[in-house]
Amino acid sequence: MSKIINQPVLVITDRKALPSRFFWYKRWLNVDNVLEHWKDTGRWWDGENEKVFFRLQVKEGGIYEIFSDLVKRQWRLYKVYD
């Protein structure tokens, strides 16, 4: 089960531009494993920008999905899995 959050987050990336940690809910979460990553064009006909999604397992426990909007250069926490 998952819950859509879709809120801005601060993300630190490694040398390969993969997320290594992110700040959410007043704390830093450290990425243990990148489970999946993919690009999505979204609803381009409505003007949505291309995004790169990452499904992450964090060391503190839990699975999170974040994305980077490639045009706006913004990171957002999209989804939290139970």
Protein backbone atom coordinates (compact mmCIF):
# COMPACT_ATOMS: atom_id res chain seq x y z
CA MET A 1 0.00 0.00 0.00
CA SER A 2 1.21 3.53 -0.65
CA LYS A 3 0.27 7.11 0.06
CA ILE A 4 0.79 9.96 -2.41
CA ILE A 5 2.59 12.91 -0.80
CA ASN A 6 3.82 15.07 -3.74
CA GLN A 7 5.74 17.62 -1.62
CA PRO A 8 9.06 19.37 -2.31
CA VAL A 9 12.13 17.79 -0.68
CA LEU A 10 15.79 18.62 -0.41
CA VAL A 11 17.86 15.87 -2.08
CA ILE A 12 21.61 15.21 -2.01
CA THR A 13 22.94 13.18 -4.94
CA ASP A 14 26.12 11.20 -5.41
CA ARG A 15 28.66 11.48 -8.26
CA LYS A 16 26.37 9.49 -10.56
CA ALA A 17 23.45 11.89 -9.89
CA LEU A 18 21.61 9.23 -7.87
CA PRO A 19 19.90 10.29 -4.64
CA SER A 20 21.98 9.47 -1.56
CA ARG A 21 19.84 11.21 1.06
CA PHE A 22 16.80 13.46 1.34
CA PHE A 23 15.19 15.65 3.97
CA TRP A 24 11.56 15.03 4.85
CA TYR A 25 9.44 15.40 7.95
CA LYS A 26 12.17 17.20 9.92
CA ARG A 27 14.90 14.58 9.37
CA TRP A 28 17.43 13.27 6.89
CA LEU A 29 16.74 9.86 5.35
CA ASN A 30 19.75 7.98 3.94
CA VAL A 31 19.32 5.89 0.80
CA ASP A 32 20.30 2.27 1.31
CA ASN A 33 19.28 1.02 -2.14
CA VAL A 34 17.87 2.43 -5.37
CA LEU A 35 15.22 -0.19 -6.15
CA GLU A 36 14.12 1.27 -9.48
CA HIS A 37 14.48 4.41 -11.58
CA TRP A 38 12.72 5.50 -14.75
CA LYS A 39 11.80 8.53 -16.85
CA ASP A 40 8.20 9.61 -17.32
CA THR A 41 6.88 12.21 -19.73
CA GLY A 42 3.65 12.50 -17.77
CA ARG A 43 0.74 14.35 -19.32
CA TRP A 44 2.81 16.19 -21.92
CA TRP A 45 -0.38 17.31 -23.69
CA ASP A 46 -1.22 19.29 -20.52
CA GLY A 47 2.26 20.81 -20.35
CA GLU A 48 3.79 18.49 -17.75
CA ASN A 49 7.57 18.30 -17.83
CA GLU A 50 9.68 15.16 -18.12
CA LYS A 51 10.56 13.66 -14.75
CA VAL A 52 13.02 11.07 -13.45
CA PHE A 53 11.57 8.84 -10.73
CA PHE A 54 13.47 6.84 -8.10
CA ARG A 55 12.04 4.17 -5.82
CA LEU A 56 14.30 4.11 -2.77
CA GLN A 57 14.82 1.93 0.26
CA VAL A 58 16.21 3.99 3.14
CA LYS A 59 18.49 2.88 5.99
CA GLU A 60 16.04 4.20 8.57
CA GLY A 61 13.37 1.85 7.21
CA GLY A 62 10.74 2.30 4.54
CA ILE A 63 10.38 2.71 0.81
CA TYR A 64 9.94 6.12 -0.80
CA GLU A 65 9.42 7.37 -4.33
CA ILE A 66 10.93 10.71 -5.32
CA PHE A 67 11.25 12.47 -8.64
CA SER A 68 13.23 15.24 -10.24
CA ASP A 69 11.46 17.60 -12.62
CA LEU A 70 14.09 18.02 -15.35
CA VAL A 71 12.84 21.41 -16.54
CA LYS A 72 12.08 23.06 -13.19
CA ARG A 73 15.09 21.38 -11.55
CA GLN A 74 13.02 20.53 -8.48
CA TRP A 75 12.86 17.39 -6.36
CA ARG A 76 9.59 16.13 -4.90
CA LEU A 77 8.67 13.26 -2.63
CA TYR A 78 5.93 11.58 -4.60
CA LYS A 79 4.94 8.47 -2.65
CA VAL A 80 5.55 6.65 0.65
CA TYR A 81 5.02 2.87 0.86
CA ASP A 82 3.71 1.14 3.98
